[in-house]
Amino acid sequence: MMTSVEDGEDYYTLLGVRADGVASVIEVLMAAMPSVRHKADSLLAEHASCVHVEVWKGATLVDRFARA
């Protein structure tokens, strides 16, 4: 079954990165950017070892969300 991409939605890769630079959590998400921010916050809350979450769209770093 194929899924279609809604207007304003795209695929993003979220990397939960530890202090040593290792990405210990990887999530792929099809969503609009506000939902990506929410998922990044959730990953930080769920994974205490992550100091920030990088958001990638293909080979481009779109944003980085740090722990508050």
C-alpha atoms as a PDB file:
ATOM      1  CA  MET A   1       0.000   0.000   0.000  1.00  0.00           C
ATOM      2  CA  MET A   2       1.383   3.412  -0.957  1.00  0.00           C
ATOM      3  CA  THR A   3       0.986   6.465   1.198  1.00  0.00           C
ATOM      4  CA  SER A   4       0.759   9.926  -0.271  1.00  0.00           C
ATOM      5  CA  VAL A   5       2.520  12.978   1.058  1.00  0.00           C
ATOM      6  CA  GLU A   6       0.104  15.696   2.147  1.00  0.00           C
ATOM      7  CA  ASP A   7       0.812  19.336   1.289  1.00  0.00           C
ATOM      8  CA  GLY A   8       3.409  20.688   3.725  1.00  0.00           C
ATOM      9  CA  GLU A   9       4.584  17.219   4.751  1.00  0.00           C
ATOM     10  CA  ASP A  10       7.929  15.688   4.042  1.00  0.00           C
ATOM     11  CA  TYR A  11      10.315  13.044   5.361  1.00  0.00           C
ATOM     12  CA  TYR A  12      12.718  13.990   8.136  1.00  0.00           C
ATOM     13  CA  THR A  13      15.366  11.974   9.957  1.00  0.00           C
ATOM     14  CA  LEU A  14      15.743  12.809  13.643  1.00  0.00           C
ATOM     15  CA  LEU A  15      18.991  11.878  15.357  1.00  0.00           C
ATOM     16  CA  GLY A  16      19.162  11.851  19.156  1.00  0.00           C
ATOM     17  CA  VAL A  17      22.806  12.739  19.812  1.00  0.00           C
ATOM     18  CA  ARG A  18      24.747  12.015  23.016  1.00  0.00           C
ATOM     19  CA  ALA A  19      27.421  14.322  24.473  1.00  0.00           C
ATOM     20  CA  ASP A  20      30.140  12.214  22.783  1.00  0.00           C
ATOM     21  CA  GLY A  21      28.607  12.926  19.350  1.00  0.00           C
ATOM     22  CA  VAL A  22      27.133   9.452  18.800  1.00  0.00           C
ATOM     23  CA  ALA A  23      23.575   9.286  17.473  1.00  0.00           C
ATOM     24  CA  SER A  24      22.018   6.758  19.849  1.00  0.00           C
ATOM     25  CA  VAL A  25      18.420   7.251  18.641  1.00  0.00           C
ATOM     26  CA  ILE A  26      17.228   7.498  15.038  1.00  0.00           C
ATOM     27  CA  GLU A  27      13.642   8.184  13.944  1.00  0.00           C
ATOM     28  CA  VAL A  28      12.239   8.769  10.464  1.00  0.00           C
ATOM     29  CA  LEU A  29       9.126  10.897  10.393  1.00  0.00           C
ATOM     30  CA  MET A  30       6.762  12.030   7.652  1.00  0.00           C
ATOM     31  CA  ALA A  31       5.230  15.217   8.959  1.00  0.00           C
ATOM     32  CA  ALA A  32       5.012  18.982   8.744  1.00  0.00           C
ATOM     33  CA  MET A  33       7.728  20.902  10.612  1.00  0.00           C
ATOM     34  CA  PRO A  34       5.649  21.733  13.755  1.00  0.00           C
ATOM     35  CA  SER A  35       5.126  17.998  14.306  1.00  0.00           C
ATOM     36  CA  VAL A  36       8.856  17.426  13.871  1.00  0.00           C
ATOM     37  CA  ARG A  37       9.569  19.890  16.700  1.00  0.00           C
ATOM     38  CA  HIS A  38       7.093  18.043  18.935  1.00  0.00           C
ATOM     39  CA  LYS A  39       8.744  14.688  18.146  1.00  0.00           C
ATOM     40  CA  ALA A  40      12.211  16.128  18.842  1.00  0.00           C
ATOM     41  CA  ASP A  41      11.019  17.332  22.264  1.00  0.00           C
ATOM     42  CA  SER A  42       9.542  13.875  22.926  1.00  0.00           C
ATOM     43  CA  LEU A  43      12.809  12.156  22.014  1.00  0.00           C
ATOM     44  CA  LEU A  44      14.710  14.391  24.428  1.00  0.00           C
ATOM     45  CA  ALA A  45      12.200  13.601  27.173  1.00  0.00           C
ATOM     46  CA  GLU A  46      12.346   9.836  26.507  1.00  0.00           C
ATOM     47  CA  HIS A  47      16.124   9.492  26.119  1.00  0.00           C
ATOM     48  CA  ALA A  48      18.102  11.063  28.948  1.00  0.00           C
ATOM     49  CA  SER A  49      21.421  10.297  27.224  1.00  0.00           C
ATOM     50  CA  CYS A  50      20.620  12.642  24.321  1.00  0.00           C
ATOM     51  CA  VAL A  51      21.838  16.225  24.649  1.00  0.00           C
ATOM     52  CA  HIS A  52      20.224  17.385  21.409  1.00  0.00           C
ATOM     53  CA  VAL A  53      18.202  16.180  18.443  1.00  0.00           C
ATOM     54  CA  GLU A  54      19.325  16.944  14.909  1.00  0.00           C
ATOM     55  CA  VAL A  55      16.670  17.166  12.204  1.00  0.00           C
ATOM     56  CA  TRP A  56      17.812  16.193   8.720  1.00  0.00           C
ATOM     57  CA  LYS A  57      15.975  16.413   5.402  1.00  0.00           C
ATOM     58  CA  GLY A  58      18.001  14.295   3.040  1.00  0.00           C
ATOM     59  CA  ALA A  59      21.629  15.412   3.397  1.00  0.00           C
ATOM     60  CA  THR A  60      20.704  18.837   4.816  1.00  0.00           C
ATOM     61  CA  LEU A  61      20.711  19.647   8.528  1.00  0.00           C
ATOM     62  CA  VAL A  62      17.438  21.535   8.990  1.00  0.00           C
ATOM     63  CA  ASP A  63      17.517  22.263  12.726  1.00  0.00           C
ATOM     64  CA  ARG A  64      19.000  21.221  16.040  1.00  0.00           C
ATOM     65  CA  PHE A  65      16.960  21.148  19.266  1.00  0.00           C
ATOM     66  CA  ALA A  66      18.886  21.125  22.543  1.00  0.00           C
ATOM     67  CA  ARG A  67      17.706  19.939  25.917  1.00  0.00           C
ATOM     68  CA  ALA A  68      16.202  22.856  27.868  1.00  0.00           C
END
